[in-house]
Amino acid sequence: MNNGFWDLPADERAAAMEQAAERGGVENFFDLDPEDRARAYNQEDVQ
C-alpha cells in the first residue's frame, strides 16, 4: 500500500525518493531495501 504516494505531484515524489535514497546510501531509490522504500511510500521521516 502506498498511502497516496503515487498520487503526489511528480516533483514531490521525486524529492521524497531522492531523500530516501540519500538516507539509505544508494544512488537509485529502487536499490533500497523494501522496508526503506515502504517508509518513503508511507511518507515517514519526510522532512
C-alpha atoms as a PDB file:
ATOM      1  CA  MET A   1       0.000   0.000   0.000  1.00  0.00           C
ATOM      2  CA  ASN A   2       1.443   3.374  -0.903  1.00  0.00           C
ATOM      3  CA  ASN A   3      -0.859   5.663   1.113  1.00  0.00           C
ATOM      4  CA  GLY A   4      -1.288   8.067  -1.776  1.00  0.00           C
ATOM      5  CA  PHE A   5       2.419   8.335  -2.568  1.00  0.00           C
ATOM      6  CA  TRP A   6       1.850   7.865  -6.302  1.00  0.00           C
ATOM      7  CA  ASP A   7      -0.959  10.445  -6.192  1.00  0.00           C
ATOM      8  CA  LEU A   8       1.516  13.161  -5.157  1.00  0.00           C
ATOM      9  CA  PRO A   9       2.812  15.557  -7.814  1.00  0.00           C
ATOM     10  CA  ALA A  10       5.840  14.147  -9.614  1.00  0.00           C
ATOM     11  CA  ASP A  11       8.248  16.677  -8.114  1.00  0.00           C
ATOM     12  CA  GLU A  12       7.173  15.782  -4.568  1.00  0.00           C
ATOM     13  CA  ARG A  13       7.561  12.060  -5.278  1.00  0.00           C
ATOM     14  CA  ALA A  14      10.985  12.666  -6.792  1.00  0.00           C
ATOM     15  CA  ALA A  15      12.116  14.681  -3.770  1.00  0.00           C
ATOM     16  CA  ALA A  16      10.908  12.015  -1.340  1.00  0.00           C
ATOM     17  CA  MET A  17      12.583   9.270  -3.361  1.00  0.00           C
ATOM     18  CA  GLU A  18      15.840  11.226  -3.563  1.00  0.00           C
ATOM     19  CA  GLN A  19      15.847  11.872   0.192  1.00  0.00           C
ATOM     20  CA  ALA A  20      15.174   8.209   0.928  1.00  0.00           C
ATOM     21  CA  ALA A  21      17.985   7.110  -1.400  1.00  0.00           C
ATOM     22  CA  GLU A  22      20.410   9.544   0.244  1.00  0.00           C
ATOM     23  CA  ARG A  23      19.435   8.305   3.728  1.00  0.00           C
ATOM     24  CA  GLY A  24      19.867   4.725   2.549  1.00  0.00           C
ATOM     25  CA  GLY A  25      23.253   5.397   0.983  1.00  0.00           C
ATOM     26  CA  VAL A  26      22.255   4.333  -2.524  1.00  0.00           C
ATOM     27  CA  GLU A  27      22.070   6.215  -5.808  1.00  0.00           C
ATOM     28  CA  ASN A  28      18.846   4.620  -7.021  1.00  0.00           C
ATOM     29  CA  PHE A  29      15.704   4.626  -4.868  1.00  0.00           C
ATOM     30  CA  PHE A  30      14.787   1.165  -6.124  1.00  0.00           C
ATOM     31  CA  ASP A  31      18.077  -0.226  -4.764  1.00  0.00           C
ATOM     32  CA  LEU A  32      16.762   0.384  -1.245  1.00  0.00           C
ATOM     33  CA  ASP A  33      15.533  -2.490   0.874  1.00  0.00           C
ATOM     34  CA  PRO A  34      11.764  -2.994   0.647  1.00  0.00           C
ATOM     35  CA  GLU A  35      11.377  -1.682   4.203  1.00  0.00           C
ATOM     36  CA  ASP A  36      13.152   1.569   3.346  1.00  0.00           C
ATOM     37  CA  ARG A  37      11.064   2.012   0.212  1.00  0.00           C
ATOM     38  CA  ALA A  38       7.930   1.375   2.262  1.00  0.00           C
ATOM     39  CA  ARG A  39       8.910   4.165   4.666  1.00  0.00           C
ATOM     40  CA  ALA A  40       9.155   6.558   1.719  1.00  0.00           C
ATOM     41  CA  TYR A  41       5.841   5.361   0.282  1.00  0.00           C
ATOM     42  CA  ASN A  42       4.242   5.874   3.690  1.00  0.00           C
ATOM     43  CA  GLN A  43       5.909   9.304   3.827  1.00  0.00           C
ATOM     44  CA  GLU A  44       7.652   8.505   7.102  1.00  0.00           C
ATOM     45  CA  ASP A  45      10.718  10.515   8.063  1.00  0.00           C
ATOM     46  CA  VAL A  46       9.995  13.089   5.343  1.00  0.00           C
ATOM     47  CA  GLN A  47      11.418  16.483   6.178  1.00  0.00           C
END
